[in-house]
Amino acid sequence: AGRELGLPIDDANRALEWQTIIPVADWNDDRTRTHTEI
């Protein structure tokens, strides 16, 4: 999305990470994670 829009992604990543409490990549890859949670 950042590449398509030509916008920085740092604040977007930090905002999502604040909601997930752990790094987004680790949270996404959790084996129990569902699409609805994303």
Full PDB file with SEQRES, HELIX, SHEET, SSBOND, CRYST1, ORIGX, SCALE, CONECT and MASTER records, all heavy atoms in Angstrom:
SEQRES   1 A   38  ALA GLY ARG GLU LEU GLY LEU PRO ILE ASP ASP ALA ASN          
SEQRES   2 A   38  ARG ALA LEU GLU TRP GLN THR ILE ILE PRO VAL ALA ASP          
SEQRES   3 A   38  TRP ASN ASP ASP ARG THR ARG THR HIS THR GLU ILE              
HELIX    1 AA1 GLY A    2  LEU A    5  1                                   4    
HELIX    2 AA2 ASP A   10  THR A   20  1                                  11    
HELIX    3 AA3 VAL A   24  ASP A   29  1                                   6    
CRYST1    1.000    1.000    1.000  90.00  90.00  90.00 P 1           1          
ORIGX1      1.000000  0.000000  0.000000        0.00000                         
ORIGX2      0.000000  1.000000  0.000000        0.00000                         
ORIGX3      0.000000  0.000000  1.000000        0.00000                         
SCALE1      1.000000  0.000000  0.000000        0.00000                         
SCALE2      0.000000  1.000000  0.000000        0.00000                         
SCALE3      0.000000  0.000000  1.000000        0.00000                         
ATOM      1  N   ALA A   1       0.835  -1.206   0.000  1.00  0.00           N  
ATOM      2  CA  ALA A   1       0.000   0.000   0.000  1.00  0.00           C  
ATOM      3  C   ALA A   1       0.868   1.253   0.000  1.00  0.00           C  
ATOM      4  O   ALA A   1       0.592   2.210  -0.735  1.00  0.00           O  
ATOM      5  CB  ALA A   1      -0.937  -0.012   1.207  1.00  0.00           C  
ATOM      6  N   GLY A   2       1.909   1.263   0.797  1.00  0.00           N  
ATOM      7  CA  GLY A   2       2.814   2.414   0.823  1.00  0.00           C  
ATOM      8  C   GLY A   2       3.479   2.634  -0.513  1.00  0.00           C  
ATOM      9  O   GLY A   2       3.628   3.771  -0.972  1.00  0.00           O  
ATOM     10  N   ARG A   3       3.870   1.557  -1.160  1.00  0.00           N  
ATOM     11  CA  ARG A   3       4.506   1.662  -2.476  1.00  0.00           C  
ATOM     12  C   ARG A   3       3.520   2.174  -3.514  1.00  0.00           C  
ATOM     13  O   ARG A   3       3.848   3.035  -4.323  1.00  0.00           O  
ATOM     14  CB  ARG A   3       5.050   0.298  -2.882  1.00  0.00           C  
ATOM     15  CG  ARG A   3       5.755   0.294  -4.206  1.00  0.00           C  
ATOM     16  CD  ARG A   3       6.210  -1.112  -4.556  1.00  0.00           C  
ATOM     17  NE  ARG A   3       6.793  -1.136  -5.869  1.00  0.00           N  
ATOM     18  CZ  ARG A   3       8.028  -1.498  -6.125  1.00  0.00           C  
ATOM     19  NH1 ARG A   3       8.807  -1.881  -5.131  1.00  0.00           N  
ATOM     20  NH2 ARG A   3       8.488  -1.495  -7.344  1.00  0.00           N  
ATOM     21  N   GLU A   4       2.297   1.633  -3.509  1.00  0.00           N  
ATOM     22  CA  GLU A   4       1.283   2.067  -4.477  1.00  0.00           C  
ATOM     23  C   GLU A   4       0.924   3.536  -4.303  1.00  0.00           C  
ATOM     24  O   GLU A   4       0.728   4.252  -5.277  1.00  0.00           O  
ATOM     25  CB  GLU A   4       0.000   1.239  -4.324  1.00  0.00           C  
ATOM     26  CG  GLU A   4       0.085  -0.161  -4.846  1.00  0.00           C  
ATOM     27  CD  GLU A   4      -1.200  -0.938  -4.630  1.00  0.00           C  
ATOM     28  OE1 GLU A   4      -2.174  -0.383  -4.080  1.00  0.00           O  
ATOM     29  OE2 GLU A   4      -1.230  -2.122  -5.017  1.00  0.00           O  
ATOM     30  N   LEU A   5       0.810   3.977  -3.046  1.00  0.00           N  
ATOM     31  CA  LEU A   5       0.378   5.341  -2.759  1.00  0.00           C  
ATOM     32  C   LEU A   5       1.536   6.331  -2.703  1.00  0.00           C  
ATOM     33  O   LEU A   5       1.315   7.543  -2.653  1.00  0.00           O  
ATOM     34  CB  LEU A   5      -0.397   5.380  -1.438  1.00  0.00           C  
ATOM     35  CG  LEU A   5      -1.661   4.518  -1.383  1.00  0.00           C  
ATOM     36  CD1 LEU A   5      -2.229   4.496   0.028  1.00  0.00           C  
ATOM     37  CD2 LEU A   5      -2.692   5.023  -2.379  1.00  0.00           C  
ATOM     38  N   GLY A   6       2.757   5.813  -2.665  1.00  0.00           N  
ATOM     39  CA  GLY A   6       3.920   6.687  -2.560  1.00  0.00           C  
ATOM     40  C   GLY A   6       3.998   7.384  -1.208  1.00  0.00           C  
ATOM     41  O   GLY A   6       4.428   8.532  -1.122  1.00  0.00           O  
ATOM     42  N   LEU A   7       3.583   6.679  -0.150  1.00  0.00           N  
ATOM     43  CA  LEU A   7       3.547   7.255   1.192  1.00  0.00           C  
ATOM     44  C   LEU A   7       4.422   6.441   2.144  1.00  0.00           C  
ATOM     45  O   LEU A   7       4.636   5.244   1.938  1.00  0.00           O  
ATOM     46  CB  LEU A   7       2.106   7.254   1.723  1.00  0.00           C  
ATOM     47  CG  LEU A   7       1.105   8.121   0.966  1.00  0.00           C  
ATOM     48  CD1 LEU A   7      -0.303   7.860   1.460  1.00  0.00           C  
ATOM     49  CD2 LEU A   7       1.468   9.590   1.104  1.00  0.00           C  
ATOM     50  N   PRO A   8       4.922   7.094   3.210  1.00  0.00           N  
ATOM     51  CA  PRO A   8       5.714   6.344   4.194  1.00  0.00           C  
ATOM     52  C   PRO A   8       4.833   5.370   4.974  1.00  0.00           C  
ATOM     53  O   PRO A   8       3.642   5.613   5.167  1.00  0.00           O  
ATOM     54  CB  PRO A   8       6.264   7.449   5.117  1.00  0.00           C  
ATOM     55  CG  PRO A   8       5.332   8.591   4.943  1.00  0.00           C  
ATOM     56  CD  PRO A   8       4.786   8.502   3.537  1.00  0.00           C  
ATOM     57  N   ILE A   9       5.451   4.281   5.412  1.00  0.00           N  
ATOM     58  CA  ILE A   9       4.675   3.230   6.083  1.00  0.00           C  
ATOM     59  C   ILE A   9       4.953   3.122   7.572  1.00  0.00           C  
ATOM     60  O   ILE A   9       4.286   2.361   8.267  1.00  0.00           O  
ATOM     61  CB  ILE A   9       4.915   1.859   5.430  1.00  0.00           C  
ATOM     62  CG1 ILE A   9       6.378   1.432   5.569  1.00  0.00           C  
ATOM     63  CG2 ILE A   9       4.486   1.873   3.980  1.00  0.00           C  
ATOM     64  CD1 ILE A   9       6.639   0.000   5.209  1.00  0.00           C  
ATOM     65  N   ASP A  10       5.906   3.880   8.084  1.00  0.00           N  
ATOM     66  CA  ASP A  10       6.312   3.722   9.487  1.00  0.00           C  
ATOM     67  C   ASP A  10       5.159   3.927  10.465  1.00  0.00           C  
ATOM     68  O   ASP A  10       4.945   3.109  11.361  1.00  0.00           O  
ATOM     69  CB  ASP A  10       7.459   4.668   9.829  1.00  0.00           C  
ATOM     70  CG  ASP A  10       8.733   4.317   9.078  1.00  0.00           C  
ATOM     71  OD1 ASP A  10       8.861   3.137   8.680  1.00  0.00           O  
ATOM     72  OD2 ASP A  10       9.575   5.202   8.879  1.00  0.00           O  
ATOM     73  N   ASP A  11       4.426   5.034  10.319  1.00  0.00           N  
ATOM     74  CA  ASP A  11       3.325   5.295  11.256  1.00  0.00           C  
ATOM     75  C   ASP A  11       2.204   4.276  11.108  1.00  0.00           C  
ATOM     76  O   ASP A  11       1.571   3.898  12.092  1.00  0.00           O  
ATOM     77  CB  ASP A  11       2.785   6.716  11.077  1.00  0.00           C  
ATOM     78  CG  ASP A  11       3.700   7.765  11.691  1.00  0.00           C  
ATOM     79  OD1 ASP A  11       4.504   7.404  12.577  1.00  0.00           O  
ATOM     80  OD2 ASP A  11       3.615   8.932  11.282  1.00  0.00           O  
ATOM     81  N   ALA A  12       1.945   3.828   9.891  1.00  0.00           N  
ATOM     82  CA  ALA A  12       0.910   2.815   9.679  1.00  0.00           C  
ATOM     83  C   ALA A  12       1.301   1.510  10.372  1.00  0.00           C  
ATOM     84  O   ALA A  12       0.479   0.885  11.054  1.00  0.00           O  
ATOM     85  CB  ALA A  12       0.692   2.584   8.188  1.00  0.00           C  
ATOM     86  N   ASN A  13       2.545   1.119  10.217  1.00  0.00           N  
ATOM     87  CA  ASN A  13       3.029  -0.099  10.857  1.00  0.00           C  
ATOM     88  C   ASN A  13       2.978   0.035  12.378  1.00  0.00           C  
ATOM     89  O   ASN A  13       2.552  -0.881  13.081  1.00  0.00           O  
ATOM     90  CB  ASN A  13       4.449  -0.407  10.391  1.00  0.00           C  
ATOM     91  CG  ASN A  13       4.971  -1.702  10.961  1.00  0.00           C  
ATOM     92  OD1 ASN A  13       4.236  -2.667  11.121  1.00  0.00           O  
ATOM     93  ND2 ASN A  13       6.245  -1.726  11.292  1.00  0.00           N  
ATOM     94  N   ARG A  14       3.380   1.191  12.888  1.00  0.00           N  
ATOM     95  CA  ARG A  14       3.376   1.400  14.337  1.00  0.00           C  
ATOM     96  C   ARG A  14       1.952   1.391  14.895  1.00  0.00           C  
ATOM     97  O   ARG A  14       1.705   0.877  15.981  1.00  0.00           O  
ATOM     98  CB  ARG A  14       4.085   2.699  14.686  1.00  0.00           C  
ATOM     99  CG  ARG A  14       5.582   2.618  14.346  1.00  0.00           C  
ATOM    100  CD  ARG A  14       6.294   3.845  14.757  1.00  0.00           C  
ATOM    101  NE  ARG A  14       6.549   3.699  16.201  1.00  0.00           N  
ATOM    102  CZ  ARG A  14       6.992   4.677  16.952  1.00  0.00           C  
ATOM    103  NH1 ARG A  14       7.204   5.858  16.451  1.00  0.00           N  
ATOM    104  NH2 ARG A  14       7.215   4.471  18.229  1.00  0.00           N  
ATOM    105  N   ALA A  15       1.009   1.982  14.160  1.00  0.00           N  
ATOM    106  CA  ALA A  15      -0.385   1.999  14.620  1.00  0.00           C  
ATOM    107  C   ALA A  15      -0.961   0.591  14.690  1.00  0.00           C  
ATOM    108  O   ALA A  15      -1.651   0.232  15.644  1.00  0.00           O  
ATOM    109  CB  ALA A  15      -1.235   2.876  13.701  1.00  0.00           C  
ATOM    110  N   LEU A  16      -0.670  -0.224  13.667  1.00  0.00           N  
ATOM    111  CA  LEU A  16      -1.152  -1.605  13.681  1.00  0.00           C  
ATOM    112  C   LEU A  16      -0.457  -2.397  14.787  1.00  0.00           C  
ATOM    113  O   LEU A  16      -1.091  -3.192  15.487  1.00  0.00           O  
ATOM    114  CB  LEU A  16      -0.943  -2.265  12.320  1.00  0.00           C  
ATOM    115  CG  LEU A  16      -1.542  -3.644  12.154  1.00  0.00           C  
ATOM    116  CD1 LEU A  16      -3.059  -3.617  12.366  1.00  0.00           C  
ATOM    117  CD2 LEU A  16      -1.224  -4.197  10.764  1.00  0.00           C  
ATOM    118  N   GLU A  17       0.832  -2.163  14.963  1.00  0.00           N  
ATOM    119  CA  GLU A  17       1.574  -2.853  16.019  1.00  0.00           C  
ATOM    120  C   GLU A  17       1.057  -2.475  17.401  1.00  0.00           C  
ATOM    121  O   GLU A  17       1.044  -3.301  18.317  1.00  0.00           O  
ATOM    122  CB  GLU A  17       3.056  -2.511  15.899  1.00  0.00           C  
ATOM    123  CG  GLU A  17       3.960  -3.384  16.712  1.00  0.00           C  
ATOM    124  CD  GLU A  17       5.403  -3.149  16.365  1.00  0.00           C  
ATOM    125  OE1 GLU A  17       5.870  -3.742  15.372  1.00  0.00           O  
ATOM    126  OE2 GLU A  17       6.055  -2.365  17.077  1.00  0.00           O  
ATOM    127  N   TRP A  18       0.608  -1.238  17.579  1.00  0.00           N  
ATOM    128  CA  TRP A  18       0.052  -0.827  18.869  1.00  0.00           C  
ATOM    129  C   TRP A  18      -1.213  -1.626  19.183  1.00  0.00           C  
ATOM    130  O   TRP A  18      -1.472  -1.970  20.328  1.00  0.00           O  
ATOM    131  CB  TRP A  18      -0.244   0.674  18.857  1.00  0.00           C  
ATOM    132  CG  TRP A  18      -0.677   1.178  20.189  1.00  0.00           C  
ATOM    133  CD1 TRP A  18      -1.955   1.420  20.601  1.00  0.00           C  
ATOM    134  CD2 TRP A  18       0.153   1.490  21.308  1.00  0.00           C  
ATOM    135  NE1 TRP A  18      -1.964   1.862  21.895  1.00  0.00           N  
ATOM    136  CE2 TRP A  18      -0.677   1.916  22.362  1.00  0.00           C  
ATOM    137  CE3 TRP A  18       1.537   1.446  21.523  1.00  0.00           C  
ATOM    138  CZ2 TRP A  18      -0.190   2.301  23.597  1.00  0.00           C  
ATOM    139  CZ3 TRP A  18       2.019   1.836  22.763  1.00  0.00           C  
ATOM    140  CH2 TRP A  18       1.161   2.250  23.780  1.00  0.00           C  
ATOM    141  N   GLN A  19      -1.984  -1.953  18.166  1.00  0.00           N  
ATOM    142  CA  GLN A  19      -3.202  -2.727  18.372  1.00  0.00           C  
ATOM    143  C   GLN A  19      -2.898  -4.209  18.628  1.00  0.00           C  
ATOM    144  O   GLN A  19      -3.590  -4.861  19.388  1.00  0.00           O  
ATOM    145  CB  GLN A  19      -4.143  -2.599  17.165  1.00  0.00           C  
ATOM    146  CG  GLN A  19      -4.590  -1.183  16.876  1.00  0.00           C  
ATOM    147  CD  GLN A  19      -5.247  -0.505  18.053  1.00  0.00           C  
ATOM    148  OE1 GLN A  19      -6.092  -1.082  18.720  1.00  0.00           O  
ATOM    149  NE2 GLN A  19      -4.863   0.726  18.316  1.00  0.00           N  
ATOM    150  N   THR A  20      -1.873  -4.736  17.990  1.00  0.00           N  
ATOM    151  CA  THR A  20      -1.559  -6.162  18.117  1.00  0.00           C  
ATOM    152  C   THR A  20      -0.640  -6.470  19.295  1.00  0.00           C  
ATOM    153  O   THR A  20      -0.479  -7.632  19.657  1.00  0.00           O  
ATOM    154  CB  THR A  20      -0.909  -6.697  16.829  1.00  0.00           C  
ATOM    155  OG1 THR A  20       0.327  -6.018  16.605  1.00  0.00           O  
ATOM    156  CG2 THR A  20      -1.836  -6.509  15.642  1.00  0.00           C  
ATOM    157  N   ILE A  21       0.017  -5.453  19.840  1.00  0.00           N  
ATOM    158  CA  ILE A  21       0.891  -5.525  21.005  1.00  0.00           C  
ATOM    159  C   ILE A  21       2.256  -6.152  20.694  1.00  0.00           C  
ATOM    160  O   ILE A  21       3.234  -5.822  21.330  1.00  0.00           O  
ATOM    161  CB  ILE A  21       0.231  -6.237  22.203  1.00  0.00           C  
ATOM    162  CG1 ILE A  21      -1.057  -5.528  22.546  1.00  0.00           C  
ATOM    163  CG2 ILE A  21       1.153  -6.293  23.399  1.00  0.00           C  
ATOM    164  CD1 ILE A  21      -1.879  -6.223  23.608  1.00  0.00           C  
ATOM    165  N   ILE A  22       2.353  -7.005  19.726  1.00  0.00           N  
ATOM    166  CA  ILE A  22       3.635  -7.600  19.346  1.00  0.00           C  
ATOM    167  C   ILE A  22       3.926  -7.207  17.898  1.00  0.00           C  
ATOM    168  O   ILE A  22       3.045  -6.706  17.202  1.00  0.00           O  
ATOM    169  CB  ILE A  22       3.624  -9.134  19.515  1.00  0.00           C  
ATOM    170  CG1 ILE A  22       2.572  -9.780  18.607  1.00  0.00           C  
ATOM    171  CG2 ILE A  22       3.401  -9.528  20.964  1.00  0.00           C  
ATOM    172  CD1 ILE A  22       2.614 -11.297  18.613  1.00  0.00           C  
ATOM    173  N   PRO A  23       5.159  -7.424  17.416  1.00  0.00           N  
ATOM    174  CA  PRO A  23       5.453  -7.075  16.026  1.00  0.00           C  
ATOM    175  C   PRO A  23       4.431  -7.695  15.061  1.00  0.00           C  
ATOM    176  O   PRO A  23       4.031  -8.845  15.213  1.00  0.00           O  
ATOM    177  CB  PRO A  23       6.853  -7.638  15.800  1.00  0.00           C  
ATOM    178  CG  PRO A  23       7.469  -7.620  17.167  1.00  0.00           C  
ATOM    179  CD  PRO A  23       6.340  -7.923  18.111  1.00  0.00           C  
ATOM    180  N   VAL A  24       4.037  -6.907  14.082  1.00  0.00           N  
ATOM    181  CA  VAL A  24       2.966  -7.302  13.166  1.00  0.00           C  
ATOM    182  C   VAL A  24       3.288  -8.606  12.442  1.00  0.00           C  
ATOM    183  O   VAL A  24       2.424  -9.477  12.308  1.00  0.00           O  
ATOM    184  CB  VAL A  24       2.683  -6.173  12.149  1.00  0.00           C  
ATOM    185  CG1 VAL A  24       1.661  -6.613  11.120  1.00  0.00           C  
ATOM    186  CG2 VAL A  24       2.211  -4.922  12.871  1.00  0.00           C  
ATOM    187  N   ALA A  25       4.520  -8.767  11.984  1.00  0.00           N  
ATOM    188  CA  ALA A  25       4.877  -9.990  11.253  1.00  0.00           C  
ATOM    189  C   ALA A  25       4.700 -11.225  12.135  1.00  0.00           C  
ATOM    190  O   ALA A  25       4.164 -12.246  11.692  1.00  0.00           O  
ATOM    191  CB  ALA A  25       6.302  -9.892  10.740  1.00  0.00           C  
ATOM    192  N   ASP A  26       5.147 -11.149  13.380  1.00  0.00           N  
ATOM    193  CA  ASP A  26       4.999 -12.285  14.300  1.00  0.00           C  
ATOM    194  C   ASP A  26       3.529 -12.545  14.613  1.00  0.00           C  
ATOM    195  O   ASP A  26       3.090 -13.688  14.687  1.00  0.00           O  
ATOM    196  CB  ASP A  26       5.753 -12.027  15.604  1.00  0.00           C  
ATOM    197  CG  ASP A  26       7.252 -11.915  15.395  1.00  0.00           C  
ATOM    198  OD1 ASP A  26       7.743 -12.422  14.371  1.00  0.00           O  
ATOM    199  OD2 ASP A  26       7.920 -11.312  16.252  1.00  0.00           O  
ATOM    200  N   TRP A  27       2.772 -11.464  14.814  1.00  0.00           N  
ATOM    201  CA  TRP A  27       1.348 -11.591  15.125  1.00  0.00           C  
ATOM    202  C   TRP A  27       0.593 -12.217  13.964  1.00  0.00           C  
ATOM    203  O   TRP A  27      -0.222 -13.111  14.149  1.00  0.00           O  
ATOM    204  CB  TRP A  27       0.795 -10.211  15.466  1.00  0.00           C  
ATOM    205  CG  TRP A  27      -0.641 -10.210  15.826  1.00  0.00           C  
ATOM    206  CD1 TRP A  27      -1.190 -10.548  17.036  1.00  0.00           C  
ATOM    207  CD2 TRP A  27      -1.732  -9.854  14.989  1.00  0.00           C  
ATOM    208  NE1 TRP A  27      -2.560 -10.407  16.978  1.00  0.00           N  
ATOM    209  CE2 TRP A  27      -2.912  -9.986  15.742  1.00  0.00           C  
ATOM    210  CE3 TRP A  27      -1.825  -9.426  13.665  1.00  0.00           C  
ATOM    211  CZ2 TRP A  27      -4.169  -9.714  15.215  1.00  0.00           C  
ATOM    212  CZ3 TRP A  27      -3.071  -9.147  13.145  1.00  0.00           C  
ATOM    213  CH2 TRP A  27      -4.229  -9.294  13.920  1.00  0.00           C  
ATOM    214  N   ASN A  28       0.875 -11.776  12.748  1.00  0.00           N  
ATOM    215  CA  ASN A  28       0.216 -12.306  11.551  1.00  0.00           C  
ATOM    216  C   ASN A  28       0.511 -13.801  11.374  1.00  0.00           C  
ATOM    217  O   ASN A  28      -0.366 -14.564  10.994  1.00  0.00           O  
ATOM    218  CB  ASN A  28       0.688 -11.538  10.317  1.00  0.00           C  
ATOM    219  CG  ASN A  28       0.041 -12.013   9.038  1.00  0.00           C  
ATOM    220  OD1 ASN A  28      -1.026 -11.572   8.663  1.00  0.00           O  
ATOM    221  ND2 ASN A  28       0.701 -12.936   8.351  1.00  0.00           N  
ATOM    222  N   ASP A  29       1.748 -14.194  11.650  1.00  0.00           N  
ATOM    223  CA  ASP A  29       2.178 -15.568  11.386  1.00  0.00           C  
ATOM    224  C   ASP A  29       1.819 -16.564  12.479  1.00  0.00           C  
ATOM    225  O   ASP A  29       2.093 -17.757  12.333  1.00  0.00           O  
ATOM    226  CB  ASP A  29       3.686 -15.610  11.143  1.00  0.00           C  
ATOM    227  CG  ASP A  29       4.068 -14.919   9.849  1.00  0.00           C  
ATOM    228  OD1 ASP A  29       3.177 -14.641   9.026  1.00  0.00           O  
ATOM    229  OD2 ASP A  29       5.269 -14.649   9.666  1.00  0.00           O  
ATOM    230  N   ASP A  30       1.214 -16.106  13.556  1.00  0.00           N  
ATOM    231  CA  ASP A  30       0.800 -17.021  14.615  1.00  0.00           C  
ATOM    232  C   ASP A  30      -0.108 -18.092  14.016  1.00  0.00           C  
ATOM    233  O   ASP A  30      -1.000 -17.810  13.229  1.00  0.00           O  
ATOM    234  CB  ASP A  30       0.055 -16.233  15.701  1.00  0.00           C  
ATOM    235  CG  ASP A  30      -0.285 -17.100  16.896  1.00  0.00           C  
ATOM    236  OD1 ASP A  30      -1.199 -17.950  16.749  1.00  0.00           O  
ATOM    237  OD2 ASP A  30       0.332 -16.931  17.949  1.00  0.00           O  
ATOM    238  N   ARG A  31       0.117 -19.326  14.386  1.00  0.00           N  
ATOM    239  CA  ARG A  31      -0.637 -20.423  13.753  1.00  0.00           C  
ATOM    240  C   ARG A  31      -2.131 -20.387  14.063  1.00  0.00           C  
ATOM    241  O   ARG A  31      -2.930 -20.949  13.328  1.00  0.00           O  
ATOM    242  CB  ARG A  31      -0.047 -21.779  14.109  1.00  0.00           C  
ATOM    243  CG  ARG A  31      -0.076 -22.131  15.550  1.00  0.00           C  
ATOM    244  CD  ARG A  31       0.625 -23.484  15.796  1.00  0.00           C  
ATOM    245  NE  ARG A  31       0.676 -23.778  17.198  1.00  0.00           N  
ATOM    246  CZ  ARG A  31      -0.301 -24.372  17.875  1.00  0.00           C  
ATOM    247  NH1 ARG A  31      -1.382 -24.756  17.248  1.00  0.00           N  
ATOM    248  NH2 ARG A  31      -0.185 -24.590  19.164  1.00  0.00           N  
ATOM    249  N   THR A  32      -2.526 -19.710  15.150  1.00  0.00           N  
ATOM    250  CA  THR A  32      -3.948 -19.629  15.492  1.00  0.00           C  
ATOM    251  C   THR A  32      -4.624 -18.367  14.947  1.00  0.00           C  
ATOM    252  O   THR A  32      -5.820 -18.186  15.145  1.00  0.00           O  
ATOM    253  CB  THR A  32      -4.137 -19.667  17.018  1.00  0.00           C  
ATOM    254  OG1 THR A  32      -3.484 -18.525  17.594  1.00  0.00           O  
ATOM    255  CG2 THR A  32      -3.577 -20.944  17.609  1.00  0.00           C  
ATOM    256  N   ARG A  33      -3.873 -17.513  14.273  1.00  0.00           N  
ATOM    257  CA  ARG A  33      -4.421 -16.253  13.762  1.00  0.00           C  
ATOM    258  C   ARG A  33      -5.454 -16.518  12.673  1.00  0.00           C  
ATOM    259  O   ARG A  33      -5.261 -17.376  11.820  1.00  0.00           O  
ATOM    260  CB  ARG A  33      -3.299 -15.380  13.202  1.00  0.00           C  
ATOM    261  CG  ARG A  33      -3.703 -13.976  12.833  1.00  0.00           C  
ATOM    262  CD  ARG A  33      -3.982 -13.111  14.032  1.00  0.00           C  
ATOM    263  NE  ARG A  33      -2.898 -13.203  14.979  1.00  0.00           N  
ATOM    264  CZ  ARG A  33      -3.081 -13.446  16.286  1.00  0.00           C  
ATOM    265  NH1 ARG A  33      -4.276 -13.609  16.777  1.00  0.00           N  
ATOM    266  NH2 ARG A  33      -2.061 -13.525  17.097  1.00  0.00           N  
ATOM    267  N   THR A  34      -6.547 -15.767  12.713  1.00  0.00           N  
ATOM    268  CA  THR A  34      -7.585 -15.899  11.693  1.00  0.00           C  
ATOM    269  C   THR A  34      -7.656 -14.628  10.851  1.00  0.00           C  
ATOM    270  O   THR A  34      -7.198 -13.560  11.268  1.00  0.00           O  
ATOM    271  CB  THR A  34      -8.967 -16.137  12.345  1.00  0.00           C  
ATOM    272  OG1 THR A  34      -9.343 -14.977  13.090  1.00  0.00           O  
ATOM    273  CG2 THR A  34      -8.970 -17.378  13.223  1.00  0.00           C  
ATOM    274  N   HIS A  35      -8.245 -14.768   9.699  1.00  0.00           N  
ATOM    275  CA  HIS A  35      -8.410 -13.630   8.805  1.00  0.00           C  
ATOM    276  C   HIS A  35      -9.265 -12.546   9.441  1.00  0.00           C  
ATOM    277  O   HIS A  35      -8.994 -11.351   9.294  1.00  0.00           O  
ATOM    278  CB  HIS A  35      -9.022 -14.104   7.481  1.00  0.00           C  
ATOM    279  CG  HIS A  35      -9.288 -12.983   6.548  1.00  0.00           C  
ATOM    280  ND1 HIS A  35     -10.551 -12.459   6.370  1.00  0.00           N  
ATOM    281  CD2 HIS A  35      -8.461 -12.262   5.764  1.00  0.00           C  
ATOM    282  CE1 HIS A  35     -10.481 -11.471   5.504  1.00  0.00           C  
ATOM    283  NE2 HIS A  35      -9.224 -11.325   5.119  1.00  0.00           N  
ATOM    284  N   THR A  36     -10.286 -12.931  10.154  1.00  0.00           N  
ATOM    285  CA  THR A  36     -11.159 -11.960  10.818  1.00  0.00           C  
ATOM    286  C   THR A  36     -10.370 -11.085  11.781  1.00  0.00           C  
ATOM    287  O   THR A  36     -10.579  -9.872  11.846  1.00  0.00           O  
ATOM    288  CB  THR A  36     -12.292 -12.688  11.564  1.00  0.00           C  
ATOM    289  OG1 THR A  36     -13.003 -13.499  10.637  1.00  0.00           O  
ATOM    290  CG2 THR A  36     -13.233 -11.709  12.228  1.00  0.00           C  
ATOM    291  N   GLU A  37      -9.442 -11.679  12.522  1.00  0.00           N  
ATOM    292  CA  GLU A  37      -8.617 -10.913  13.443  1.00  0.00           C  
ATOM    293  C   GLU A  37      -7.745  -9.901  12.717  1.00  0.00           C  
ATOM    294  O   GLU A  37      -7.516  -8.795  13.214  1.00  0.00           O  
ATOM    295  CB  GLU A  37      -7.746 -11.853  14.286  1.00  0.00           C  
ATOM    296  CG  GLU A  37      -8.540 -12.687  15.258  1.00  0.00           C  
ATOM    297  CD  GLU A  37      -7.686 -13.743  15.929  1.00  0.00           C  
ATOM    298  OE1 GLU A  37      -6.929 -14.445  15.233  1.00  0.00           O  
ATOM    299  OE2 GLU A  37      -7.774 -13.849  17.171  1.00  0.00           O  
ATOM    300  N   ILE A  38      -7.266 -10.261  11.535  1.00  0.00           N  
ATOM    301  CA  ILE A  38      -6.446  -9.352  10.734  1.00  0.00           C  
ATOM    302  C   ILE A  38      -7.262  -8.123  10.350  1.00  0.00           C  
ATOM    303  O   ILE A  38      -6.829  -6.986  10.534  1.00  0.00           O  
ATOM    304  CB  ILE A  38      -5.921 -10.063   9.460  1.00  0.00           C  
ATOM    305  CG1 ILE A  38      -5.025 -11.247   9.820  1.00  0.00           C  
ATOM    306  CG2 ILE A  38      -5.214  -9.086   8.531  1.00  0.00           C  
ATOM    307  CD1 ILE A  38      -3.736 -10.890  10.499  1.00  0.00           C  
TER     308      ILE A  38                                                      
MASTER        0    0    0    3    0    0    0    6  307    1    0    3          
END                                                                             
